[in-house]
Structures are given as C-alpha cells and as structure tokens.
Protein backbone atom coordinates (compact mmCIF):
# COMPACT_ATOMS: atom_id res chain seq x y z
CA UNK A 1 77.05 167.06 82.53
CA UNK A 2 75.02 169.41 80.65
CA UNK A 3 71.40 168.87 80.17
CA UNK A 4 70.38 169.39 76.76
CA UNK A 5 66.78 170.41 76.01
CA UNK A 6 64.56 167.48 74.44
CA UNK A 7 62.88 168.09 71.33
CA UNK A 8 59.38 168.90 71.33
CA UNK A 9 56.95 166.07 71.53
CA UNK A 10 54.45 165.89 68.59
CA UNK A 11 51.09 163.93 68.56
CA UNK A 12 51.56 160.79 66.45
CA UNK A 13 48.59 162.03 64.12
CA UNK A 14 50.79 165.05 63.24
CA UNK A 15 53.58 163.06 62.46
CA UNK A 16 51.45 160.56 60.28
CA UNK A 17 49.84 163.55 58.31
CA UNK A 18 53.24 165.19 57.53
CA UNK A 19 54.47 161.77 56.42
CA UNK A 20 51.38 161.51 54.20
CA UNK A 21 51.57 164.91 52.82
CA UNK A 22 55.50 165.02 52.08
CA UNK A 23 55.52 161.58 50.33
CA UNK A 24 52.13 162.79 48.54
CA UNK A 25 53.91 165.70 47.16
CA UNK A 26 56.85 163.66 46.44
CA UNK A 27 54.60 161.37 44.25
CA UNK A 28 52.54 164.20 42.78
CA UNK A 29 55.87 165.96 41.61
CA UNK A 30 57.13 162.54 39.99
CA UNK A 31 54.10 161.86 38.36
CA UNK A 32 54.34 165.31 36.87
CA UNK A 33 57.72 164.67 35.83
CA UNK A 34 57.20 161.73 33.58
CA UNK A 35 54.25 163.47 31.85
CA UNK A 36 51.13 162.26 33.52
CA UNK A 37 48.37 165.02 33.47
CA UNK A 38 47.92 167.55 36.29
CA UNK A 39 44.43 166.22 37.42
CA UNK A 40 45.28 162.54 37.17
CA UNK A 41 48.71 163.04 38.96
CA UNK A 42 46.82 165.17 41.82
CA UNK A 43 44.18 162.40 42.27
CA UNK A 44 46.57 159.50 42.41
CA UNK A 45 49.00 161.33 44.69
CA UNK A 46 46.19 162.28 47.04
CA UNK A 47 44.87 158.66 47.23
CA UNK A 48 48.52 157.57 47.91
CA UNK A 49 49.16 160.25 50.53
CA UNK A 50 45.83 159.37 52.23
CA UNK A 51 47.03 155.56 52.49
CA UNK A 52 50.49 156.39 53.79
CA UNK A 53 48.84 158.38 56.36
CA UNK A 54 46.47 155.83 57.48
CA UNK A 55 49.45 153.17 57.15
CA UNK A 56 51.71 155.41 59.32
CA UNK A 57 48.96 156.21 61.77
CA UNK A 58 48.22 152.72 62.39
CA UNK A 59 51.37 150.75 62.21
CA UNK A 60 53.99 153.46 62.64
CA UNK A 61 53.54 154.28 66.38
CA UNK A 62 56.42 152.12 68.50
CA UNK A 63 55.46 150.96 71.79
CA UNK A 64 57.63 152.30 74.50
CA UNK A 65 59.52 149.94 76.74
CA UNK A 66 59.67 150.64 80.44
C-alpha cells in the first residue's frame, strides 16, 4: 500500500485566526451588501471576527483519543 503524505499540522491558534478572519470578512461583505455604511460594517465585522476567533480557540479543539 502506498503511503500518502500527511497534510501539514497547523497550530490551533492559526486555524482559529483563519476562521475568525474568514467569517469576519464574510460578515463585512454581507453588511456592505445590505447597505450598512462601511465604517459600521467594519466595526461590527471586526467584533464578530474577534468573538469567532475566541470561540474557536477555546471550544474548537478536539481532544485526541488514544
């Protein structure tokens, strides 16, 4: 059987940051799309992105079973 290379292992903090950034960007674009002003949309998206980062950082990591 061929041994396939494993994907690289990323730190959980990096993964949490990417989730927060990606969903924050999605929220920002959505708010702009429905007519919210740019500054208000940015502040709301930044706060939501920070909250998502913290949530994924705290609750998102699975404990590995042996």
